[in-house]
Amino acid sequence: MKRDYLYWASAVVFTLFLAGCGGGGGAGTSSATAVQIVLTDAPGFGFDNVILTVDEIWFHADNTADPDDPGWRRFQLRVPKEVDMARLTNGAVSPAILELTRDQLPPGLYRQIRILFLPNADEAHPEHHPLNNAVVVSDNGVSAPYPLEIPETHLEDPSTSMRENRGIPVLGSFQVPAAGTLRLAIDIDIGHDVVRTSRNGETRYMLKPRPRAIDLDNVGSISGKIDNVAIGTGHVVMAEQRSADNTCMVVRRRAAVDNTGSFVLSFLEPGTYGILFQGSGVETVILTGVPVTKGNTIDIPTPLHVTAGTEYQVDFSVSPTGAAVTFYQTPGAGSVPYEIQSRDADPYTGSFPDPIALSSGRLHVGTYVNNLLGIGCSPVTPVEGNGGFKAAADADLFARKYYPGSDDAASATVITSADGGATLAFTGRLPVQSPPSVPGGNGISGTMAVPDNVVIDNVVLVAVRGGMIVDRLFMDGPFAGSANAPYSMGNLPGGTAAAPLPKAVYGVHAFGFGPSGAAFGMADMADLRTGSAGGIGFTFMPMAMP
């Protein structure tokens, strides 16, 4: 498997430029095109390549429709498209993945897209490489490929014993016009959505997908520079806006600073943004009040002044394990907290793969004024104190929780740099609030079975929704003295008959480990929309470890 991959990974960028712009499902000519789909990405450091292979794209008018519901318009590409997402940063887009005419996708409002990736080692497409979805990273100058795991997208159909590809939901709605072409970009942020994990001591990579759709004809951009290129590389600029509940700033788009100190924040919807610059070895800079208009680029006229700084290390663990932790600072009275950094936990352990570095210094805050020759950013002590942060955890369908367990930011504990650069490890978990629909949440239960020729010492069982692991259950020695073992996983978002939760449908996967290697068990889907689900059983089968 691996002997072919390095050549294939390095060649994929070249083959993308040779690929035509034709889509799937019998798409017509470009003159008749109503919708064109491309891919794009925000910056992701540390990856040589991140390969995804698109197989199908689906559309639906109802944003609550399940993949099994009627009404989907499904389009399979004539030839699956390999895309290196690591090459699509700072406004770059892929060649067209799919083009559709109005006969295929009639004019109207569509509220849901699903993107389906070709599975790794797909027997139906032997012309494609076994690693259809992969990460390539370098260590001491040597490139190494890893399979990129995408949970749940292929589930067993109990009636046919076939594995059905259900894809990944894409955030956003769009209107197919009666005339002209709608150009949509599906934005996949590999810097946050590709998560390094550890399973049974092995390093692996998983896609924690949160793609969104961008109308490329209804966006603007912001460009600028920093004034000290020598200060280092690997810095990020973020465009942020107030959240819907007006409690914090949320990142709309990220961009990398190149080796000349320049950056471009592309694909921003019209509105007003705060621009935040942060990275290793620098103090954080915030520029408020930057306007964006459709079809225009706002050029910040003066380079942002960057001051050298220091960091300290923070470790966290979260529950449920599928949560992410975000660190905030507030520039001053009357402001809301800005997102400074965020990190997804390893969904198998609930812990950070590595400690995260937080700035121990001040904020530098200025206000954008059009055509101003000099934009001054003054040093400011954040409300949380120099080096102080508030931390909040979020997970799919759960309510937000602040450290060390508060339900609101006002009573959250402030993390400080008091440890002077040593790793600041929190012994307790940062719990995400119980699912709001049912106090304590719903549960999944059933029985696991193991064949006579398979020995399993421990099991990691995961509940997955929309291609994302929501939580995991670890079981040590479940099969001691028996070929069957019960399991029960609770505190999952779900509904009741009186108050259904439409999106609470989960896939249940399990990985077993023993002296003879790994085994895999895939259960049926668990429907928690109106209550808990019992009797969800499966049998482990030996699994080849790549």
Protein backbone atom coordinates (compact mmCIF):
# COMPACT_ATOMS: atom_id res chain seq x y z
CA MET A 1 0.00 0.00 0.00
CA LYS A 2 2.58 2.54 1.06
CA ARG A 3 5.15 1.92 -1.64
CA ASP A 4 2.95 3.59 -4.28
CA TYR A 5 1.60 6.38 -2.14
CA LEU A 6 4.44 8.89 -2.04
CA TYR A 7 4.59 9.10 -5.82
CA TRP A 8 0.83 9.35 -6.00
CA ALA A 9 0.62 12.06 -3.32
CA SER A 10 3.26 14.23 -4.99
CA ALA A 11 1.68 13.80 -8.41
CA VAL A 12 -1.89 14.60 -7.39
CA VAL A 13 -1.38 18.37 -7.57
CA PHE A 14 -0.24 18.09 -11.18
CA THR A 15 -3.12 15.79 -12.12
CA LEU A 16 -5.63 18.23 -10.65
CA PHE A 17 -4.61 20.84 -13.20
CA LEU A 18 -5.11 18.30 -15.97
CA ALA A 19 -8.58 17.34 -14.72
CA GLY A 20 -11.51 18.72 -16.66
CA CYS A 21 -14.25 20.76 -15.06
CA GLY A 22 -16.99 18.29 -15.92
CA GLY A 23 -19.17 17.04 -13.08
CA GLY A 24 -21.25 13.94 -12.64
CA GLY A 25 -24.73 12.71 -13.32
CA GLY A 26 -24.76 13.77 -16.96
CA ALA A 27 -23.95 17.46 -16.47
CA GLY A 28 -24.33 19.66 -19.53
CA THR A 29 -22.05 22.24 -21.09
CA SER A 30 -20.64 25.19 -19.18
CA SER A 31 -23.01 27.58 -21.00
CA ALA A 32 -25.96 25.73 -19.46
CA THR A 33 -24.41 25.37 -16.01
CA ALA A 34 -26.66 26.47 -13.13
CA VAL A 35 -24.45 25.36 -10.22
CA GLN A 36 -20.71 24.83 -10.04
CA ILE A 37 -19.07 23.21 -6.97
CA VAL A 38 -15.40 23.66 -5.98
CA LEU A 39 -13.44 22.95 -2.76
CA THR A 40 -11.35 25.36 -0.69
CA ASP A 41 -9.51 25.36 2.64
CA ALA A 42 -8.23 27.52 5.49
CA PRO A 43 -4.55 27.11 6.53
CA GLY A 44 -3.42 23.88 8.15
CA PHE A 45 0.16 23.78 9.39
CA GLY A 46 2.22 20.61 9.67
CA PHE A 47 0.77 18.77 6.67
CA ASP A 48 2.58 18.07 3.41
CA ASN A 49 -0.65 16.84 1.81
CA VAL A 50 -4.23 16.25 2.89
CA ILE A 51 -5.94 14.18 0.20
CA LEU A 52 -9.72 13.80 -0.09
CA THR A 53 -11.44 11.94 -2.93
CA VAL A 54 -14.96 13.16 -3.71
CA ASP A 55 -17.38 10.53 -5.05
CA GLU A 56 -20.88 12.08 -4.79
CA ILE A 57 -22.69 15.28 -3.80
CA TRP A 58 -26.35 15.37 -2.69
CA PHE A 59 -28.85 18.23 -2.34
CA HIS A 60 -32.10 18.59 -0.39
CA ALA A 61 -34.59 21.39 0.26
CA ASP A 62 -35.10 20.37 3.94
CA ASN A 63 -32.22 20.96 6.38
CA THR A 64 -33.56 18.26 8.73
CA ALA A 65 -33.78 15.51 6.07
CA ASP A 66 -32.05 12.26 6.99
CA PRO A 67 -29.95 10.52 4.30
CA ASP A 68 -32.65 7.84 4.07
CA ASP A 69 -35.48 10.32 3.54
CA PRO A 70 -37.01 10.92 0.09
CA GLY A 71 -36.39 14.10 -1.86
CA TRP A 72 -32.61 13.95 -2.25
CA ARG A 73 -31.08 14.85 -5.60
CA ARG A 74 -27.98 12.67 -5.78
CA PHE A 75 -25.12 13.14 -8.24
CA GLN A 76 -22.26 10.71 -8.54
CA LEU A 77 -19.16 12.05 -10.27
CA ARG A 78 -18.27 10.31 -13.50
CA VAL A 79 -14.75 9.95 -12.14
CA PRO A 80 -14.03 10.46 -8.41
CA LYS A 81 -11.96 13.63 -7.90
CA GLU A 82 -8.78 13.59 -5.81
CA VAL A 83 -8.08 16.97 -4.18
CA ASP A 84 -5.09 18.02 -2.09
CA MET A 85 -6.70 20.35 0.43
CA ALA A 86 -3.30 21.54 1.69
CA ARG A 87 -2.86 23.39 -1.63
CA LEU A 88 -6.14 25.33 -1.41
CA THR A 89 -5.40 28.04 1.16
CA ASN A 90 -5.62 31.86 1.03
CA GLY A 91 -8.30 32.04 -1.63
CA ALA A 92 -7.24 29.13 -3.85
CA VAL A 93 -9.98 26.76 -5.03
CA SER A 94 -9.95 23.37 -6.72
CA PRO A 95 -10.97 22.76 -10.31
CA ALA A 96 -14.72 22.24 -10.57
CA ILE A 97 -15.81 19.09 -8.75
CA LEU A 98 -19.36 19.10 -10.09
CA GLU A 99 -21.37 21.14 -12.61
CA LEU A 100 -25.15 20.86 -12.88
CA THR A 101 -27.78 22.28 -15.22
CA ARG A 102 -31.18 23.61 -14.17
CA ASP A 103 -32.74 20.41 -15.51
CA GLN A 104 -30.71 18.46 -12.97
CA LEU A 105 -31.03 20.90 -10.04
CA PRO A 106 -34.10 23.09 -10.61
CA PRO A 107 -34.16 26.73 -9.41
CA GLY A 108 -35.14 27.11 -5.79
CA LEU A 109 -33.83 27.15 -2.21
CA TYR A 110 -31.73 24.20 -1.05
CA ARG A 111 -31.01 23.91 2.65
CA GLN A 112 -28.77 20.86 2.82
CA ILE A 113 -25.77 19.48 0.96
CA ARG A 114 -24.01 16.20 1.69
CA ILE A 115 -20.55 15.41 0.33
CA LEU A 116 -19.54 11.78 -0.03
CA PHE A 117 -15.91 10.74 -0.11
CA LEU A 118 -14.61 7.56 -1.70
CA PRO A 119 -13.61 5.12 1.05
CA ASN A 120 -10.04 3.95 1.45
CA ALA A 121 -9.29 0.61 -0.25
CA ASP A 122 -12.51 0.88 -2.28
CA GLU A 123 -12.93 -2.30 -4.31
CA ALA A 124 -15.39 -0.65 -6.71
CA HIS A 125 -12.69 1.70 -7.97
CA PRO A 126 -9.47 -0.32 -8.36
CA GLU A 127 -8.00 2.41 -10.55
CA HIS A 128 -7.73 4.62 -7.46
CA HIS A 129 -5.08 4.39 -4.83
CA PRO A 130 -5.92 2.47 -1.63
CA LEU A 131 -5.44 5.69 0.34
CA ASN A 132 -8.18 7.76 -1.24
CA ASN A 133 -8.25 9.94 1.88
CA ALA A 134 -4.86 10.49 3.45
CA VAL A 135 -2.53 12.77 5.36
CA VAL A 136 1.18 13.10 4.53
CA VAL A 137 3.45 14.57 7.19
CA SER A 138 7.23 14.99 7.36
CA ASP A 139 9.46 14.00 10.26
CA ASN A 140 13.16 14.84 10.01
CA GLY A 141 12.79 15.30 6.27
CA VAL A 142 11.06 11.95 5.66
CA SER A 143 7.48 12.01 4.40
CA ALA A 144 5.06 9.46 5.83
CA PRO A 145 1.47 8.79 4.69
CA TYR A 146 -1.37 8.00 7.06
CA PRO A 147 -4.92 6.97 6.20
CA LEU A 148 -7.38 9.78 6.95
CA GLU A 149 -10.28 8.14 8.76
CA ILE A 150 -13.79 9.49 8.17
CA PRO A 151 -16.17 7.95 10.73
CA GLU A 152 -19.70 6.79 9.95
CA THR A 153 -19.82 7.66 6.28
CA HIS A 154 -20.14 3.97 5.42
CA LEU A 155 -22.76 2.12 7.47
CA GLU A 156 -24.07 -1.42 7.21
CA ASP A 157 -27.53 -1.85 5.68
CA PRO A 158 -28.97 -4.76 7.70
CA SER A 159 -31.41 -5.71 4.91
CA THR A 160 -28.70 -6.15 2.28
CA SER A 161 -25.45 -6.49 4.31
CA MET A 162 -24.06 -3.78 2.03
CA ARG A 163 -22.14 -0.74 3.26
CA GLU A 164 -23.99 2.43 2.36
CA ASN A 165 -22.19 5.76 1.96
CA ARG A 166 -24.23 8.42 3.82
CA GLY A 167 -21.75 11.27 3.44
CA ILE A 168 -21.10 14.38 5.51
CA PRO A 169 -23.51 17.33 5.93
CA VAL A 170 -22.37 20.75 4.69
CA LEU A 171 -23.51 23.85 6.59
CA GLY A 172 -25.34 26.57 4.68
CA SER A 173 -28.24 27.07 2.32
CA PHE A 174 -28.26 28.48 -1.21
CA GLN A 175 -30.60 29.59 -3.97
CA VAL A 176 -30.28 28.08 -7.45
CA PRO A 177 -31.01 31.02 -9.78
CA ALA A 178 -33.43 30.98 -12.67
CA ALA A 179 -30.62 32.41 -14.84
CA GLY A 180 -26.86 32.55 -14.54
CA THR A 181 -24.49 30.30 -12.60
CA LEU A 182 -24.26 29.87 -8.84
CA ARG A 183 -20.64 29.21 -7.84
CA LEU A 184 -20.39 27.36 -4.53
CA ALA A 185 -17.21 26.53 -2.62
CA ILE A 186 -17.28 23.81 0.02
CA ASP A 187 -14.87 25.00 2.70
CA ILE A 188 -13.06 22.29 4.69
CA ASP A 189 -10.75 23.68 7.38
CA ILE A 190 -7.98 21.07 7.64
CA GLY A 191 -6.21 23.08 10.33
CA HIS A 192 -9.05 22.28 12.72
CA ASP A 193 -10.90 19.42 11.06
CA VAL A 194 -7.94 17.03 10.70
CA VAL A 195 -7.27 15.70 14.19
CA ARG A 196 -4.30 13.57 15.26
CA THR A 197 -5.49 10.67 17.38
CA SER A 198 -4.04 7.74 19.29
CA ARG A 199 -5.76 4.38 19.19
CA ASN A 200 -4.17 1.51 21.07
CA GLY A 201 -0.87 3.39 21.04
CA GLU A 202 -0.85 4.03 17.27
CA THR A 203 -0.81 7.54 15.77
CA ARG A 204 -3.67 8.05 13.35
CA TYR A 205 -5.48 10.96 11.69
CA MET A 206 -9.21 11.56 11.61
CA LEU A 207 -11.39 14.02 9.72
CA LYS A 208 -13.74 15.81 12.13
CA PRO A 209 -15.74 17.45 9.34
CA ARG A 210 -17.53 20.77 9.67
CA PRO A 211 -17.66 21.88 6.01
CA ARG A 212 -19.70 24.91 4.97
CA ALA A 213 -20.95 26.22 1.64
CA ILE A 214 -19.81 29.64 0.38
CA ASP A 215 -21.48 31.60 -2.42
CA LEU A 216 -18.40 32.88 -4.26
CA ASP A 217 -20.38 35.68 -5.94
CA ASN A 218 -21.56 37.16 -2.64
CA VAL A 219 -18.27 37.63 -0.79
CA GLY A 220 -15.42 40.10 -0.36
CA SER A 221 -11.95 39.88 1.14
CA ILE A 222 -9.42 41.63 3.40
CA SER A 223 -5.71 41.88 2.65
CA GLY A 224 -2.82 43.20 4.70
CA LYS A 225 0.70 42.70 6.01
CA ILE A 226 2.58 42.44 9.27
CA ASP A 227 5.58 44.71 9.82
CA ASN A 228 8.09 42.14 11.07
CA VAL A 229 8.61 39.20 8.72
CA ALA A 230 11.70 38.09 10.66
CA ILE A 231 9.60 37.35 13.71
CA GLY A 232 8.83 33.89 12.36
CA THR A 233 6.45 31.80 10.28
CA GLY A 234 3.36 29.78 11.08
CA HIS A 235 1.23 32.76 12.11
CA VAL A 236 -2.50 32.99 11.48
CA VAL A 237 -4.87 35.89 10.84
CA MET A 238 -8.56 35.41 11.66
CA ALA A 239 -11.66 37.37 10.65
CA GLU A 240 -14.18 37.33 13.52
CA GLN A 241 -17.76 38.53 14.07
CA ARG A 242 -20.11 38.60 17.03
CA SER A 243 -21.98 35.37 17.69
CA ALA A 244 -25.73 35.19 17.16
CA ASP A 245 -26.32 35.47 20.91
CA ASN A 246 -23.87 38.41 21.15
CA THR A 247 -21.76 36.72 23.86
CA CYS A 248 -18.44 36.26 22.03
CA MET A 249 -16.59 36.67 18.74
CA VAL A 250 -16.50 33.69 16.40
CA VAL A 251 -14.05 32.98 13.58
CA ARG A 252 -15.52 33.23 10.09
CA ARG A 253 -12.29 32.68 8.14
CA ARG A 254 -8.60 32.00 8.77
CA ALA A 255 -5.56 32.80 6.60
CA ALA A 256 -1.86 32.08 6.86
CA VAL A 257 0.78 34.81 6.79
CA ASP A 258 3.21 34.08 3.95
CA ASN A 259 6.98 34.52 3.97
CA THR A 260 6.67 38.16 2.90
CA GLY A 261 4.37 38.96 5.83
CA SER A 262 1.28 39.25 3.61
CA PHE A 263 -2.13 37.68 4.13
CA VAL A 264 -5.52 37.54 2.40
CA LEU A 265 -8.75 36.68 4.20
CA SER A 266 -10.93 35.43 1.35
CA PHE A 267 -14.61 34.49 0.97
CA LEU A 268 -16.04 36.79 3.66
CA GLU A 269 -19.72 37.61 3.58
CA PRO A 270 -20.50 41.35 3.62
CA GLY A 271 -20.35 42.84 7.12
CA THR A 272 -17.97 44.23 9.74
CA TYR A 273 -15.14 42.15 11.14
CA GLY A 274 -12.51 42.16 13.83
CA ILE A 275 -9.13 41.01 12.52
CA LEU A 276 -6.98 39.02 14.95
CA PHE A 277 -3.32 38.09 14.41
CA GLN A 278 -1.68 35.45 16.62
CA GLY A 279 1.07 32.87 16.55
CA SER A 280 4.14 31.51 18.25
CA GLY A 281 6.57 34.05 19.68
CA VAL A 282 4.27 37.08 19.30
CA GLU A 283 1.69 39.01 21.28
CA THR A 284 -1.83 39.01 19.86
CA VAL A 285 -3.02 41.93 17.69
CA ILE A 286 -6.70 42.89 17.21
CA LEU A 287 -7.94 45.39 14.61
CA THR A 288 -11.64 46.20 15.01
CA GLY A 289 -14.23 47.62 12.61
CA VAL A 290 -12.95 46.32 9.27
CA PRO A 291 -15.79 46.48 6.67
CA VAL A 292 -16.30 43.97 3.88
CA THR A 293 -18.48 44.56 0.83
CA LYS A 294 -19.50 42.22 -1.95
CA GLY A 295 -16.95 41.84 -4.73
CA ASN A 296 -14.32 44.10 -3.14
CA THR A 297 -11.02 43.66 -1.32
CA ILE A 298 -10.32 45.89 1.67
CA ASP A 299 -6.60 46.54 1.83
CA ILE A 300 -5.42 47.48 5.33
CA PRO A 301 -3.17 50.43 4.42
CA THR A 302 -0.55 50.07 7.14
CA PRO A 303 1.23 46.86 8.21
CA LEU A 304 0.10 45.54 11.57
CA HIS A 305 2.77 46.13 14.18
CA VAL A 306 3.86 42.85 15.75
CA THR A 307 5.58 42.60 19.14
CA ALA A 308 7.65 39.62 20.25
CA GLY A 309 6.17 37.63 23.13
CA THR A 310 6.28 34.41 25.12
CA GLU A 311 3.87 31.52 25.68
CA TYR A 312 2.97 28.96 28.30
CA GLN A 313 1.56 25.47 27.80
CA VAL A 314 -1.95 24.27 28.62
CA ASP A 315 -3.29 20.73 28.66
CA PHE A 316 -6.97 19.81 28.81
CA SER A 317 -9.26 16.85 28.69
CA VAL A 318 -12.94 17.05 27.82
CA SER A 319 -16.15 15.10 28.12
CA PRO A 320 -17.69 14.08 25.79
CA THR A 321 -14.53 13.20 23.88
CA GLY A 322 -15.81 14.72 20.63
CA ALA A 323 -15.69 18.23 22.10
CA ALA A 324 -13.41 21.13 21.16
CA VAL A 325 -11.99 23.74 23.56
CA THR A 326 -11.75 27.45 22.67
CA PHE A 327 -9.67 30.03 24.52
CA TYR A 328 -10.91 33.65 24.72
CA GLN A 329 -9.61 37.08 25.72
CA THR A 330 -11.61 40.31 26.08
CA PRO A 331 -9.92 43.55 24.86
CA GLY A 332 -11.75 45.80 27.33
CA ALA A 333 -15.00 46.97 28.86
CA GLY A 334 -17.87 46.98 26.36
CA SER A 335 -16.23 44.32 24.18
CA VAL A 336 -17.05 40.64 24.01
CA PRO A 337 -14.35 37.93 24.22
CA TYR A 338 -12.36 37.20 21.03
CA GLU A 339 -11.49 33.66 20.01
CA ILE A 340 -7.71 33.40 20.31
CA GLN A 341 -7.16 29.69 19.78
CA SER A 342 -9.20 26.52 19.59
CA ARG A 343 -8.31 22.85 19.64
CA ASP A 344 -10.21 19.61 19.09
CA ALA A 345 -9.64 16.80 21.55
CA ASP A 346 -8.56 13.35 20.45
CA PRO A 347 -12.05 11.81 20.07
CA TYR A 348 -10.80 8.46 21.43
CA THR A 349 -9.31 9.90 24.62
CA GLY A 350 -10.84 13.35 25.18
CA SER A 351 -7.36 14.86 25.63
CA PHE A 352 -5.27 17.21 23.49
CA PRO A 353 -2.77 15.34 21.29
CA ASP A 354 -0.23 17.97 22.41
CA PRO A 355 -0.39 20.87 24.88
CA ILE A 356 -1.53 24.15 23.37
CA ALA A 357 0.64 27.28 23.63
CA LEU A 358 -1.09 30.44 24.89
CA SER A 359 0.37 33.94 24.83
CA SER A 360 1.48 35.18 28.26
CA GLY A 361 1.54 38.84 27.16
CA ARG A 362 -0.74 41.76 26.36
CA LEU A 363 -3.18 42.41 23.57
CA HIS A 364 -2.49 45.14 20.99
CA VAL A 365 -5.75 46.73 19.88
CA GLY A 366 -6.55 49.27 17.16
CA THR A 367 -9.51 50.45 15.07
CA TYR A 368 -9.66 50.45 11.30
CA VAL A 369 -10.37 53.80 9.61
CA ASN A 370 -10.64 53.92 5.83
CA ASN A 371 -7.68 55.58 4.05
CA LEU A 372 -5.87 56.23 7.32
CA LEU A 373 -2.13 56.31 6.64
CA GLY A 374 -1.23 54.98 10.06
CA ILE A 375 -3.28 52.56 12.14
CA GLY A 376 -2.04 52.50 15.70
CA CYS A 377 -2.52 49.41 17.86
CA SER A 378 -2.04 50.23 21.53
CA PRO A 379 -1.04 47.67 24.18
CA VAL A 380 -4.01 46.69 26.31
CA THR A 381 -4.33 44.43 29.34
CA PRO A 382 -7.21 42.04 28.58
CA VAL A 383 -10.07 41.80 31.05
CA GLU A 384 -8.73 38.37 31.98
CA GLY A 385 -5.28 39.84 32.73
CA ASN A 386 -2.03 39.55 30.76
CA GLY A 387 -1.77 35.90 29.80
CA GLY A 388 -5.27 35.26 31.13
CA PHE A 389 -7.90 33.31 29.17
CA LYS A 390 -11.38 31.90 29.54
CA ALA A 391 -11.93 28.39 28.19
CA ALA A 392 -15.16 26.98 26.78
CA ALA A 393 -15.99 23.54 25.40
CA ASP A 394 -18.45 22.79 22.60
CA ALA A 395 -19.68 19.49 21.18
CA ASP A 396 -22.16 18.50 18.50
CA LEU A 397 -25.77 18.96 19.74
CA PHE A 398 -24.56 19.73 23.29
CA ALA A 399 -24.74 23.05 25.13
CA ARG A 400 -21.57 25.06 25.76
CA LYS A 401 -19.67 24.66 29.03
CA TYR A 402 -17.00 26.95 30.55
CA TYR A 403 -14.06 25.90 32.68
CA PRO A 404 -14.28 24.41 35.25
CA GLY A 405 -17.98 23.68 34.77
CA SER A 406 -19.83 26.99 34.57
CA ASP A 407 -22.79 27.47 32.26
CA ASP A 408 -21.89 31.07 31.42
CA ALA A 409 -18.76 33.11 30.79
CA ALA A 410 -19.41 35.50 33.66
CA SER A 411 -18.67 32.84 36.27
CA ALA A 412 -15.92 31.06 34.32
CA THR A 413 -12.52 30.58 35.92
CA VAL A 414 -9.66 32.48 34.27
CA ILE A 415 -6.60 30.49 33.22
CA THR A 416 -3.36 32.41 33.88
CA SER A 417 0.32 32.11 33.07
CA ALA A 418 1.21 31.77 36.76
CA ASP A 419 3.08 28.53 36.10
CA GLY A 420 5.76 30.48 34.24
CA GLY A 421 5.94 28.43 31.07
CA ALA A 422 5.58 24.97 32.59
CA THR A 423 2.80 22.75 31.28
CA LEU A 424 -0.39 23.80 33.01
CA ALA A 425 -2.28 20.52 33.28
CA PHE A 426 -5.86 20.44 34.50
CA THR A 427 -6.53 17.23 36.35
CA GLY A 428 -10.29 17.34 35.91
CA ARG A 429 -12.26 17.22 32.71
CA LEU A 430 -14.01 20.22 31.25
CA PRO A 431 -17.53 18.79 30.94
CA VAL A 432 -19.87 19.90 28.21
CA GLN A 433 -23.34 20.55 29.57
CA SER A 434 -25.83 17.69 29.39
CA PRO A 435 -27.87 17.59 26.19
CA PRO A 436 -30.49 20.34 26.41
CA SER A 437 -33.35 18.32 24.97
CA VAL A 438 -33.43 15.56 27.61
CA PRO A 439 -31.86 16.06 31.07
CA GLY A 440 -29.03 13.56 31.31
CA GLY A 441 -29.41 12.62 27.66
CA ASN A 442 -30.51 9.45 25.91
CA GLY A 443 -28.59 6.21 25.63
CA ILE A 444 -27.57 3.39 23.27
CA SER A 445 -27.34 -0.19 24.50
CA GLY A 446 -26.98 -3.65 23.08
CA THR A 447 -24.75 -6.70 22.87
CA MET A 448 -21.34 -7.24 21.30
CA ALA A 449 -20.29 -10.67 20.03
CA VAL A 450 -16.84 -12.05 19.25
CA PRO A 451 -16.10 -15.11 17.03
CA ASP A 452 -14.18 -18.09 18.44
CA ASN A 453 -11.04 -17.23 16.48
CA VAL A 454 -10.83 -13.61 17.76
CA VAL A 455 -9.45 -12.62 21.17
CA ILE A 456 -10.30 -9.12 22.42
CA ASP A 457 -8.89 -7.64 25.63
CA ASN A 458 -10.43 -4.17 25.41
CA VAL A 459 -12.94 -2.26 23.32
CA VAL A 460 -13.33 1.37 22.28
CA LEU A 461 -16.93 2.00 21.26
CA VAL A 462 -17.87 5.30 19.58
CA ALA A 463 -21.14 7.05 18.77
CA VAL A 464 -20.89 9.00 15.51
CA ARG A 465 -23.15 11.61 13.90
CA GLY A 466 -22.57 13.44 10.63
CA GLY A 467 -19.09 11.97 10.25
CA MET A 468 -18.04 13.15 13.74
CA ILE A 469 -17.38 11.10 16.87
CA VAL A 470 -19.63 12.53 19.58
CA ASP A 471 -18.40 10.38 22.47
CA ARG A 472 -16.64 7.12 23.22
CA LEU A 473 -16.95 4.31 25.75
CA PHE A 474 -13.85 2.33 26.83
CA MET A 475 -14.41 -1.23 28.08
CA ASP A 476 -11.58 -3.28 29.59
CA GLY A 477 -12.00 -7.05 29.43
CA PRO A 478 -15.67 -7.11 28.34
CA PHE A 479 -15.47 -10.65 26.91
CA ALA A 480 -13.86 -12.35 29.91
CA GLY A 481 -15.38 -15.83 30.02
CA SER A 482 -17.97 -15.16 27.32
CA ALA A 483 -18.34 -14.64 23.58
CA ASN A 484 -21.00 -12.00 24.18
CA ALA A 485 -20.93 -8.82 26.24
CA PRO A 486 -23.46 -6.07 26.94
CA TYR A 487 -22.65 -2.40 26.47
CA SER A 488 -24.41 0.84 27.39
CA MET A 489 -23.47 4.39 26.45
CA GLY A 490 -25.42 7.27 27.96
CA ASN A 491 -25.60 11.08 28.03
CA LEU A 492 -26.06 11.42 24.27
CA PRO A 493 -28.23 14.19 22.79
CA GLY A 494 -31.67 12.88 21.99
CA GLY A 495 -35.34 13.70 22.18
CA THR A 496 -38.66 12.41 23.44
CA ALA A 497 -41.94 11.54 21.74
CA ALA A 498 -43.28 14.90 22.85
CA ALA A 499 -40.14 16.85 21.88
CA PRO A 500 -38.21 15.03 19.13
CA LEU A 501 -34.63 15.99 18.27
CA PRO A 502 -34.56 15.56 14.46
CA LYS A 503 -30.78 15.17 14.05
CA ALA A 504 -30.19 12.64 16.83
CA VAL A 505 -29.38 9.60 14.67
CA TYR A 506 -26.04 7.90 15.41
CA GLY A 507 -23.82 5.24 13.97
CA VAL A 508 -22.24 2.87 16.51
CA HIS A 509 -18.72 1.63 15.75
CA ALA A 510 -16.35 -0.37 17.94
CA PHE A 511 -12.66 -1.24 17.79
CA GLY A 512 -11.43 -4.26 19.70
CA PHE A 513 -7.79 -4.96 20.54
CA GLY A 514 -6.14 -8.20 21.58
CA PRO A 515 -2.96 -10.25 21.26
CA SER A 516 -3.74 -11.23 17.65
CA GLY A 517 -4.39 -7.67 16.46
CA ALA A 518 -7.43 -5.47 15.98
CA ALA A 519 -11.05 -6.24 15.26
CA PHE A 520 -13.88 -4.04 14.04
CA GLY A 521 -17.58 -4.07 14.81
CA MET A 522 -20.20 -1.96 13.03
CA ALA A 523 -23.70 -1.83 14.45
CA ASP A 524 -26.91 -0.62 12.88
CA MET A 525 -27.83 3.03 13.28
CA ALA A 526 -29.23 4.10 16.64
CA ASP A 527 -32.24 6.43 16.42
CA LEU A 528 -32.40 8.68 19.49
CA ARG A 529 -34.76 11.25 18.00
CA THR A 530 -37.64 10.28 20.30
CA GLY A 531 -35.91 8.24 23.04
CA SER A 532 -33.11 5.83 23.89
CA ALA A 533 -32.20 2.94 21.57
CA GLY A 534 -31.72 -0.62 22.80
CA GLY A 535 -30.89 -3.90 21.12
CA ILE A 536 -28.17 -2.40 18.91
CA GLY A 537 -25.93 -5.45 18.44
CA PHE A 538 -22.93 -6.34 16.33
CA THR A 539 -20.20 -8.94 15.86
CA PHE A 540 -16.48 -8.17 15.74
CA MET A 541 -14.48 -9.16 12.68
CA PRO A 542 -10.66 -9.22 12.27
CA MET A 543 -9.33 -5.97 10.89
CA ALA A 544 -6.13 -5.32 8.94
CA MET A 545 -4.27 -2.39 10.46
CA PRO A 546 -2.70 -0.11 7.77
